[in-house]
Amino acid sequence: MWVVLLLAGLWFTLRSGFWQVFYIGRIFRETLGSLRRTAPPLSQPEASKGVTPFQAMSTALASTVGTGNIAGVATAIVAGGPGAIFWMWVSALLGMMTKYAEVFLAVKHRKKAPGGGFYGGPMYYMEAIGWKIPAVIFAMLCMTSALGVGNLTQINTLADAAYTVFHVPKMATAVVTASLAALVVLGGIRSVGAVTEKLVPFMSVLYIGLSAAVLIICRDGILPAFQIIVAGAFTPQAAFGGAAGYTVFRAMRYGVSRGVFTNEAGLGSAPIAHACADTDSPERQGMWGALEVFIDTIVLCTLTALVILAAGVFTPGGELDGAALTVAAFEHALGPFGAGAVAVCTALFAFATIPGWCFYGEQCCLYLSRSFRARRLGAKSEVSPPDGRWNSSILYRAAFIVLLLPGAALRLETVWHFADVMNALMALPNLAALLVMSRQVFAGLREL
């Protein structure tokens, strides 16, 4: 699957002429630069109950900027060696175009909600080309994946960090997190967007500041860290003498898989949030998707990797893994304050991810409900989604929150393997649809 993900990203990158590289300045101007403009992004009244493009990106970014940036990077280094970080960069560079493509198509083929606003995602652009069965399969996989990627991995890492640093019982962490998450997700996409647009910038700046402090203290280890990353990507024996069984294949496999876990490029999850944006430009919203990958992987994941390697706490075949390894790196440089601060960042990252993934799973649940109702009623035209109260949407939110509780007690390896499997299965129908519909993506790029 990671080979397929790389090839899909390479296809969009080559056919676009490395658009994400040569137009990176425009991507920043059309996204972060647009926040200074006062004109509304959309003048149509039916969008009044939607979310702003920034809120849509924040919701998607909150779902991607999670434990993968702290624990995922550490597990990639432990399992694949430092060379895995290089392949994480490659997957992010190519993934910027994959994310652009899926966000573009999600906005282009989204639906208007009866009460105002929009809804959409891969299942709707699959329907646009007549792929009804793959759309249903994707929705089922995404709904299940939300429980693993956006639920189990987040609470498991959060509880592990809280126990390691503050000795808080894991079940107590799960109960508090579930209670707070319930307050957010029960309000729907507007509540999630309102929370994430404030939480994402705060936690990102906090983590960047802490990482910068560590790198200033451990500045002598920065250049060797880059050297060992590049050496480990192509000649792991030169980096560690073959220790811990590191190979180029392992570096690529874990680098790409953890990169995809953090930025979700190609999975089809983030487009569900972007489809809700109050925008009349699929191209511009696609740029928000590309920026999302850049911030998540190129910036935040790189900082985590450099902190771990520059601090010198990583040992091939060592006992530390996941969040515990990242905590050890911050503690090595900043003392107990560093350990506590990164534990707080882990809690913020994990908590921010949970509502977004709950929304993804809920939207897929609603899509399946709509599809089954249409089939049962024999409707030839589209059946509108339920209006919201005690329906499958509410039931899914309740199930999602309840399943946070056992997730805190599961083994780290079990949780991450489940997340990897669900990512792979979920990406299959989405990548196939992206490649089939790639002409629409390239036509949109030519109009920019």
Protein backbone atom coordinates (compact mmCIF):
# COMPACT_ATOMS: atom_id res chain seq x y z
CA MET A 1 0.00 0.00 0.00
CA TRP A 2 2.76 2.47 0.79
CA VAL A 3 4.16 1.83 -2.71
CA VAL A 4 0.74 2.60 -4.21
CA LEU A 5 0.49 5.78 -2.14
CA LEU A 6 3.91 6.93 -3.33
CA LEU A 7 3.09 6.16 -6.96
CA ALA A 8 -0.23 8.01 -6.77
CA GLY A 9 1.47 11.07 -5.32
CA LEU A 10 4.23 10.81 -7.93
CA TRP A 11 1.61 10.66 -10.72
CA PHE A 12 -0.07 13.88 -9.62
CA THR A 13 3.29 15.55 -8.99
CA LEU A 14 4.75 14.72 -12.41
CA ARG A 15 1.58 15.51 -14.35
CA SER A 16 1.25 18.86 -12.55
CA GLY A 17 4.89 19.75 -13.19
CA PHE A 18 5.81 19.69 -9.48
CA TRP A 19 3.11 22.28 -8.84
CA GLN A 20 3.39 22.04 -5.05
CA VAL A 21 7.08 22.97 -5.27
CA PHE A 22 7.05 25.80 -7.82
CA TYR A 23 3.81 27.33 -6.55
CA ILE A 24 4.49 27.02 -2.82
CA GLY A 25 4.48 30.81 -2.48
CA ARG A 26 1.01 31.03 -4.01
CA ILE A 27 -0.24 28.26 -1.75
CA PHE A 28 0.73 30.32 1.29
CA ARG A 29 -0.72 33.53 -0.18
CA GLU A 30 -4.06 31.90 -1.05
CA THR A 31 -4.38 30.20 2.34
CA LEU A 32 -2.75 31.85 5.33
CA GLY A 33 -2.44 35.12 3.42
CA SER A 34 -6.19 35.15 2.76
CA LEU A 35 -6.93 35.33 6.50
CA ARG A 36 -6.06 39.03 6.40
CA ARG A 37 -8.74 39.76 3.82
CA THR A 38 -12.10 41.08 4.96
CA ALA A 39 -14.21 39.93 2.01
CA PRO A 40 -16.29 36.81 2.71
CA PRO A 41 -15.10 33.72 0.80
CA LEU A 42 -18.61 32.84 -0.34
CA SER A 43 -21.59 35.06 -1.06
CA GLN A 44 -24.23 32.34 -1.47
CA PRO A 45 -26.77 32.32 1.38
CA GLU A 46 -27.02 28.54 1.50
CA ALA A 47 -23.54 28.41 3.03
CA SER A 48 -24.54 30.30 6.14
CA LYS A 49 -24.53 27.18 8.30
CA GLY A 50 -21.21 25.90 7.10
CA VAL A 51 -17.68 26.63 8.31
CA THR A 52 -15.00 28.96 7.00
CA PRO A 53 -12.19 27.56 4.81
CA PHE A 54 -9.79 28.06 7.74
CA GLN A 55 -12.14 26.22 10.12
CA ALA A 56 -12.42 23.37 7.61
CA MET A 57 -8.63 23.18 7.36
CA SER A 58 -8.31 23.45 11.15
CA THR A 59 -10.74 20.57 11.62
CA ALA A 60 -8.82 18.46 9.10
CA LEU A 61 -5.46 19.58 10.53
CA ALA A 62 -6.64 18.86 14.07
CA SER A 63 -7.41 15.34 12.89
CA THR A 64 -3.95 14.97 11.34
CA VAL A 65 -1.88 16.89 13.91
CA GLY A 66 -2.27 14.26 16.57
CA THR A 67 -0.30 11.55 18.25
CA GLY A 68 1.32 10.69 14.93
CA ASN A 69 3.42 13.83 15.25
CA ILE A 70 4.71 12.79 18.68
CA ALA A 71 4.35 9.02 19.05
CA GLY A 72 4.14 8.15 15.33
CA VAL A 73 7.47 9.74 14.49
CA ALA A 74 9.10 7.93 17.41
CA THR A 75 7.67 4.56 16.36
CA ALA A 76 8.88 5.19 12.80
CA ILE A 77 12.43 5.80 14.05
CA VAL A 78 12.36 2.76 16.34
CA ALA A 79 10.89 0.41 13.71
CA GLY A 80 12.59 1.70 10.57
CA GLY A 81 15.59 3.61 11.83
CA PRO A 82 16.29 7.35 11.38
CA GLY A 83 16.18 6.83 7.61
CA ALA A 84 12.42 6.46 7.93
CA ILE A 85 12.21 10.23 8.42
CA PHE A 86 13.62 10.84 4.94
CA TRP A 87 10.92 8.71 3.39
CA MET A 88 8.38 10.50 5.56
CA TRP A 89 9.51 13.72 3.88
CA VAL A 90 9.17 12.12 0.44
CA SER A 91 5.67 10.90 1.22
CA ALA A 92 4.73 14.39 2.45
CA LEU A 93 6.08 16.14 -0.65
CA LEU A 94 4.16 13.82 -2.96
CA GLY A 95 1.22 13.72 -0.57
CA MET A 96 0.71 17.48 -0.92
CA MET A 97 -0.55 16.86 -4.45
CA THR A 98 -2.61 13.83 -3.44
CA LYS A 99 -4.29 15.87 -0.70
CA TYR A 100 -4.87 18.74 -3.13
CA ALA A 101 -6.56 16.35 -5.56
CA GLU A 102 -8.92 14.75 -3.06
CA VAL A 103 -9.91 18.07 -1.45
CA PHE A 104 -10.50 19.62 -4.89
CA LEU A 105 -12.78 16.75 -5.91
CA ALA A 106 -14.60 16.75 -2.56
CA VAL A 107 -15.53 20.43 -2.89
CA LYS A 108 -16.35 20.11 -6.60
CA HIS A 109 -18.80 17.21 -6.07
CA ARG A 110 -20.23 18.05 -2.64
CA LYS A 111 -23.93 18.35 -1.84
CA LYS A 112 -26.02 21.16 -0.34
CA ALA A 113 -27.46 20.31 3.05
CA PRO A 114 -31.22 20.89 3.42
CA GLY A 115 -30.77 23.29 6.35
CA GLY A 116 -27.83 25.18 4.86
CA GLY A 117 -24.15 24.45 4.41
CA PHE A 118 -22.55 21.57 2.54
CA TYR A 119 -21.50 17.97 3.03
CA GLY A 120 -19.30 15.71 0.92
CA GLY A 121 -16.29 13.45 0.72
CA PRO A 122 -14.84 10.61 -1.35
CA MET A 123 -18.12 8.67 -1.34
CA TYR A 124 -19.79 11.55 -3.19
CA TYR A 125 -17.13 12.03 -5.86
CA MET A 126 -17.14 8.26 -6.34
CA GLU A 127 -20.88 8.47 -6.95
CA ALA A 128 -20.22 11.19 -9.53
CA ILE A 129 -18.49 8.62 -11.75
CA GLY A 130 -21.01 5.87 -10.99
CA TRP A 131 -18.93 4.06 -8.38
CA LYS A 132 -21.77 3.31 -6.00
CA ILE A 133 -20.37 0.07 -4.51
CA PRO A 134 -16.83 1.47 -3.94
CA ALA A 135 -18.46 4.51 -2.31
CA VAL A 136 -20.32 2.28 0.14
CA ILE A 137 -17.16 0.25 0.81
CA PHE A 138 -15.16 3.41 1.48
CA ALA A 139 -17.81 4.73 3.88
CA MET A 140 -17.83 1.46 5.81
CA LEU A 141 -14.03 1.40 6.04
CA CYS A 142 -13.78 5.06 7.02
CA MET A 143 -16.42 4.62 9.70
CA THR A 144 -14.43 1.72 11.15
CA SER A 145 -11.07 3.42 10.66
CA ALA A 146 -12.27 6.41 12.66
CA LEU A 147 -12.45 4.14 15.68
CA GLY A 148 -8.83 3.05 15.23
CA VAL A 149 -7.00 6.06 13.82
CA GLY A 150 -9.00 8.82 15.46
CA ASN A 151 -9.99 7.05 18.63
CA LEU A 152 -7.84 4.18 19.89
CA THR A 153 -4.41 5.54 18.90
CA GLN A 154 -5.17 8.98 20.31
CA ILE A 155 -6.46 7.91 23.71
CA ASN A 156 -3.82 5.16 24.00
CA THR A 157 -0.95 7.62 23.46
CA LEU A 158 -2.54 10.29 25.64
CA ALA A 159 -3.08 7.87 28.53
CA ASP A 160 0.44 6.47 28.15
CA ALA A 161 2.03 9.94 28.27
CA ALA A 162 -0.09 11.02 31.27
CA TYR A 163 0.84 7.84 33.15
CA THR A 164 4.55 8.07 32.26
CA VAL A 165 4.96 11.72 33.30
CA PHE A 166 2.28 12.40 35.91
CA HIS A 167 1.43 8.82 37.03
CA VAL A 168 -2.26 9.39 36.26
CA PRO A 169 -4.18 6.09 35.99
CA LYS A 170 -4.93 5.36 32.35
CA MET A 171 -8.63 4.79 32.91
CA ALA A 172 -8.94 8.14 34.69
CA THR A 173 -7.39 9.85 31.66
CA ALA A 174 -9.82 8.03 29.39
CA VAL A 175 -12.87 9.09 31.41
CA VAL A 176 -11.86 12.77 31.50
CA THR A 177 -11.00 12.80 27.79
CA ALA A 178 -14.24 11.09 26.83
CA SER A 179 -16.25 13.61 28.86
CA LEU A 180 -14.56 16.62 27.29
CA ALA A 181 -14.76 15.15 23.78
CA ALA A 182 -18.49 14.56 24.22
CA LEU A 183 -19.03 18.26 24.90
CA VAL A 184 -17.40 19.10 21.57
CA VAL A 185 -18.69 16.40 19.21
CA LEU A 186 -22.32 16.66 20.27
CA GLY A 187 -22.37 20.15 18.76
CA GLY A 188 -21.63 18.92 15.23
CA ILE A 189 -19.23 20.34 12.63
CA ARG A 190 -19.75 23.99 13.62
CA SER A 191 -18.81 23.19 17.24
CA VAL A 192 -15.82 21.13 16.11
CA GLY A 193 -14.69 23.89 13.74
CA ALA A 194 -15.04 26.59 16.40
CA VAL A 195 -12.89 24.61 18.84
CA THR A 196 -10.22 23.47 16.39
CA GLU A 197 -9.63 26.90 14.81
CA LYS A 198 -8.51 28.11 18.25
CA LEU A 199 -6.84 24.94 19.51
CA VAL A 200 -4.77 24.05 16.43
CA PRO A 201 -2.78 27.33 16.18
CA PHE A 202 -2.21 27.38 19.95
CA MET A 203 -0.94 23.81 20.26
CA SER A 204 1.15 24.07 17.08
CA VAL A 205 2.92 27.25 18.25
CA LEU A 206 3.43 25.74 21.71
CA TYR A 207 4.99 22.57 20.32
CA ILE A 208 7.16 24.47 17.83
CA GLY A 209 8.41 26.72 20.64
CA LEU A 210 9.27 23.79 22.91
CA SER A 211 11.01 21.95 20.06
CA ALA A 212 13.00 25.06 19.16
CA ALA A 213 14.16 25.34 22.77
CA VAL A 214 15.38 21.73 22.75
CA LEU A 215 17.17 22.19 19.43
CA ILE A 216 18.90 25.34 20.69
CA ILE A 217 20.19 23.41 23.71
CA CYS A 218 21.15 20.40 21.58
CA ARG A 219 22.29 22.42 18.55
CA ASP A 220 25.50 20.42 18.19
CA GLY A 221 23.40 17.35 17.38
CA ILE A 222 21.28 18.91 14.62
CA LEU A 223 23.71 18.41 11.73
CA PRO A 224 24.56 14.81 12.77
CA ALA A 225 20.82 14.16 12.98
CA PHE A 226 20.30 15.21 9.36
CA GLN A 227 23.32 13.15 8.33
CA ILE A 228 22.04 10.01 10.03
CA ILE A 229 18.58 10.49 8.51
CA VAL A 230 19.98 10.66 4.97
CA ALA A 231 22.48 7.84 5.57
CA GLY A 232 19.79 5.64 7.11
CA ALA A 233 17.46 6.21 4.14
CA PHE A 234 19.81 4.60 1.63
CA THR A 235 22.59 2.85 3.55
CA PRO A 236 21.33 1.93 7.03
CA GLN A 237 24.42 -0.19 7.64
CA ALA A 238 26.53 2.96 7.36
CA ALA A 239 24.34 4.64 9.96
CA PHE A 240 24.16 1.87 12.55
CA GLY A 241 26.24 -0.98 11.23
CA GLY A 242 23.15 -3.06 10.52
CA ALA A 243 21.98 -2.90 14.14
CA ALA A 244 18.38 -3.83 14.95
CA GLY A 245 17.90 -5.26 11.45
CA TYR A 246 17.41 -1.90 9.75
CA THR A 247 17.12 -2.03 5.96
CA VAL A 248 16.14 0.41 3.22
CA PHE A 249 12.85 -1.46 2.87
CA ARG A 250 12.02 -1.02 6.58
CA ALA A 251 12.96 2.65 6.43
CA MET A 252 10.66 3.22 3.44
CA ARG A 253 7.84 1.11 4.82
CA TYR A 254 7.66 2.76 8.24
CA GLY A 255 8.52 6.24 7.00
CA VAL A 256 5.72 6.27 4.43
CA SER A 257 3.15 4.52 6.63
CA ARG A 258 3.75 6.85 9.58
CA GLY A 259 3.83 9.82 7.21
CA VAL A 260 0.45 8.84 5.83
CA PHE A 261 -0.85 8.34 9.35
CA THR A 262 0.12 11.89 10.29
CA ASN A 263 -0.97 13.79 7.15
CA GLU A 264 -3.68 11.37 5.88
CA ALA A 265 -2.87 12.22 2.24
CA GLY A 266 -4.69 9.72 0.03
CA LEU A 267 -6.84 8.22 2.77
CA GLY A 268 -9.91 10.28 1.89
CA SER A 269 -10.70 11.35 5.45
CA ALA A 270 -9.73 15.05 5.44
CA PRO A 271 -11.82 15.88 2.31
CA ILE A 272 -14.93 15.17 4.40
CA ALA A 273 -14.12 18.24 6.53
CA HIS A 274 -12.96 20.39 3.61
CA ALA A 275 -16.21 19.72 1.75
CA CYS A 276 -18.05 21.67 4.46
CA ALA A 277 -16.12 24.89 3.79
CA ASP A 278 -17.95 28.06 2.77
CA THR A 279 -16.03 28.52 -0.46
CA ASP A 280 -16.89 28.62 -4.14
CA SER A 281 -13.38 27.64 -5.24
CA PRO A 282 -12.40 23.94 -5.18
CA GLU A 283 -8.93 24.99 -6.33
CA ARG A 284 -8.37 27.34 -3.40
CA GLN A 285 -9.66 24.83 -0.86
CA GLY A 286 -7.31 22.27 -2.41
CA MET A 287 -4.45 24.60 -1.51
CA TRP A 288 -5.58 24.47 2.12
CA GLY A 289 -5.27 20.68 1.85
CA ALA A 290 -1.72 20.92 0.49
CA LEU A 291 -0.77 23.38 3.25
CA GLU A 292 -2.18 20.95 5.80
CA VAL A 293 0.33 18.27 4.74
CA PHE A 294 3.20 20.76 4.79
CA ILE A 295 2.47 21.95 8.33
CA ASP A 296 1.80 18.50 9.69
CA THR A 297 4.71 16.50 8.29
CA ILE A 298 7.36 18.83 6.90
CA VAL A 299 7.24 21.12 9.95
CA LEU A 300 5.91 19.31 13.03
CA CYS A 301 7.11 15.75 12.32
CA THR A 302 10.55 17.00 11.35
CA LEU A 303 10.83 18.90 14.62
CA THR A 304 9.97 15.76 16.60
CA ALA A 305 12.52 13.69 14.70
CA LEU A 306 15.29 16.25 15.17
CA VAL A 307 14.50 16.56 18.88
CA ILE A 308 14.76 12.79 19.37
CA LEU A 309 17.96 12.38 17.36
CA ALA A 310 19.71 15.58 18.47
CA ALA A 311 19.02 14.85 22.14
CA GLY A 312 20.74 11.49 21.75
CA VAL A 313 18.08 9.44 23.54
CA PHE A 314 17.49 7.02 20.66
CA THR A 315 19.37 3.73 20.81
CA PRO A 316 18.83 0.98 18.17
CA GLY A 317 17.07 -1.91 19.86
CA GLY A 318 16.41 0.17 22.98
CA GLU A 319 13.38 -0.17 25.22
CA LEU A 320 11.90 3.29 24.67
CA ASP A 321 9.22 3.62 21.99
CA GLY A 322 6.28 5.84 21.07
CA ALA A 323 5.44 8.83 23.24
CA ALA A 324 7.86 7.64 25.95
CA LEU A 325 10.81 8.16 23.58
CA THR A 326 9.69 11.68 22.67
CA VAL A 327 9.11 12.52 26.34
CA ALA A 328 12.62 11.28 27.16
CA ALA A 329 14.10 13.60 24.50
CA PHE A 330 12.36 16.69 25.89
CA GLU A 331 13.21 15.68 29.46
CA HIS A 332 16.87 15.22 28.52
CA ALA A 333 17.10 18.82 27.32
CA LEU A 334 14.58 20.67 29.48
CA GLY A 335 14.40 18.51 32.59
CA PRO A 336 11.09 17.67 34.31
CA PHE A 337 9.54 20.78 32.76
CA GLY A 338 10.21 19.36 29.30
CA ALA A 339 8.59 16.05 30.16
CA GLY A 340 5.52 17.79 31.55
CA ALA A 341 5.29 20.20 28.63
CA VAL A 342 5.42 17.48 25.97
CA ALA A 343 2.84 15.49 27.92
CA VAL A 344 0.56 18.54 27.75
CA CYS A 345 1.22 18.84 24.00
CA THR A 346 0.44 15.15 23.57
CA ALA A 347 -2.84 15.66 25.40
CA LEU A 348 -3.75 18.66 23.23
CA PHE A 349 -2.76 16.91 19.99
CA ALA A 350 -4.68 13.76 20.87
CA PHE A 351 -7.75 15.61 22.08
CA ALA A 352 -7.86 17.83 18.98
CA THR A 353 -7.80 14.76 16.75
CA ILE A 354 -10.72 12.97 18.39
CA PRO A 355 -13.60 15.34 17.41
CA GLY A 356 -12.47 15.57 13.80
CA TRP A 357 -12.32 11.82 13.31
CA CYS A 358 -15.64 11.42 15.06
CA PHE A 359 -17.09 13.80 12.47
CA TYR A 360 -15.55 11.76 9.64
CA GLY A 361 -17.04 8.52 10.93
CA GLU A 362 -20.38 10.18 11.56
CA GLN A 363 -20.60 11.53 8.00
CA CYS A 364 -19.85 8.08 6.60
CA CYS A 365 -22.50 6.62 8.90
CA LEU A 366 -25.01 9.17 7.59
CA TYR A 367 -24.04 8.36 4.00
CA LEU A 368 -24.64 4.65 4.58
CA SER A 369 -27.94 5.42 6.27
CA ARG A 370 -29.01 7.57 3.32
CA SER A 371 -27.92 4.93 0.81
CA PHE A 372 -29.73 2.09 2.56
CA ARG A 373 -32.87 4.19 2.94
CA ALA A 374 -32.82 5.05 -0.75
CA ARG A 375 -32.43 1.41 -1.69
CA ARG A 376 -35.17 0.29 0.69
CA LEU A 377 -37.58 2.92 -0.60
CA GLY A 378 -36.63 2.26 -4.20
CA ALA A 379 -35.80 5.92 -4.68
CA LYS A 380 -34.22 6.80 -7.99
CA SER A 381 -33.34 10.30 -6.84
CA GLU A 382 -31.05 11.17 -3.95
CA VAL A 383 -32.50 10.84 -0.47
CA SER A 384 -31.51 13.66 1.88
CA PRO A 385 -29.59 12.70 5.03
CA PRO A 386 -31.57 12.52 8.28
CA ASP A 387 -32.19 15.88 9.93
CA GLY A 388 -30.16 15.04 12.96
CA ARG A 389 -31.71 14.28 16.29
CA TRP A 390 -31.89 10.68 17.60
CA ASN A 391 -30.65 8.99 14.44
CA SER A 392 -27.59 7.06 13.30
CA SER A 393 -25.51 10.24 13.63
CA ILE A 394 -26.15 10.61 17.36
CA LEU A 395 -25.74 6.88 17.95
CA TYR A 396 -22.37 6.90 16.19
CA ARG A 397 -21.14 9.83 18.28
CA ALA A 398 -22.16 8.01 21.46
CA ALA A 399 -20.43 4.78 20.39
CA PHE A 400 -17.30 6.69 19.42
CA ILE A 401 -17.08 8.36 22.84
CA VAL A 402 -17.74 5.13 24.76
CA LEU A 403 -14.98 3.28 22.87
CA LEU A 404 -12.42 5.78 24.14
CA LEU A 405 -12.51 4.00 27.49
CA PRO A 406 -11.09 0.56 26.53
CA GLY A 407 -8.67 2.18 24.06
CA ALA A 408 -6.52 3.50 26.88
CA ALA A 409 -5.66 0.00 28.10
CA LEU A 410 -4.72 -1.68 24.80
CA ARG A 411 -1.13 -2.56 23.90
CA LEU A 412 0.74 0.08 21.87
CA GLU A 413 1.72 -2.35 19.08
CA THR A 414 -1.83 -3.66 18.71
CA VAL A 415 -3.29 -0.18 18.34
CA TRP A 416 -0.77 0.99 15.75
CA HIS A 417 -1.00 -2.20 13.66
CA PHE A 418 -4.79 -1.86 13.58
CA ALA A 419 -4.45 1.77 12.48
CA ASP A 420 -2.02 0.81 9.68
CA VAL A 421 -4.33 -1.90 8.36
CA MET A 422 -7.37 0.38 8.38
CA ASN A 423 -5.41 3.15 6.65
CA ALA A 424 -4.41 0.79 3.86
CA LEU A 425 -7.91 -0.60 3.31
CA MET A 426 -9.47 2.85 3.37
CA ALA A 427 -6.99 4.27 0.85
CA LEU A 428 -7.61 1.62 -1.83
CA PRO A 429 -10.98 2.81 -3.21
CA ASN A 430 -10.06 6.47 -2.69
CA LEU A 431 -6.79 6.29 -4.63
CA ALA A 432 -8.49 4.42 -7.45
CA ALA A 433 -11.12 7.15 -7.73
CA LEU A 434 -8.48 9.91 -7.61
CA LEU A 435 -6.55 8.38 -10.50
CA VAL A 436 -9.69 7.89 -12.61
CA MET A 437 -10.78 11.49 -11.97
CA SER A 438 -7.30 13.01 -12.30
CA ARG A 439 -8.22 14.87 -15.51
CA GLN A 440 -10.62 17.03 -13.52
CA VAL A 441 -7.82 17.86 -11.07
CA PHE A 442 -5.38 18.88 -13.80
CA ALA A 443 -8.08 20.92 -15.57
CA GLY A 444 -8.65 22.80 -12.32
CA LEU A 445 -4.93 23.49 -11.96
CA ARG A 446 -4.81 24.98 -15.46
CA GLU A 447 -7.51 27.47 -14.44
CA LEU A 448 -5.44 28.88 -11.57
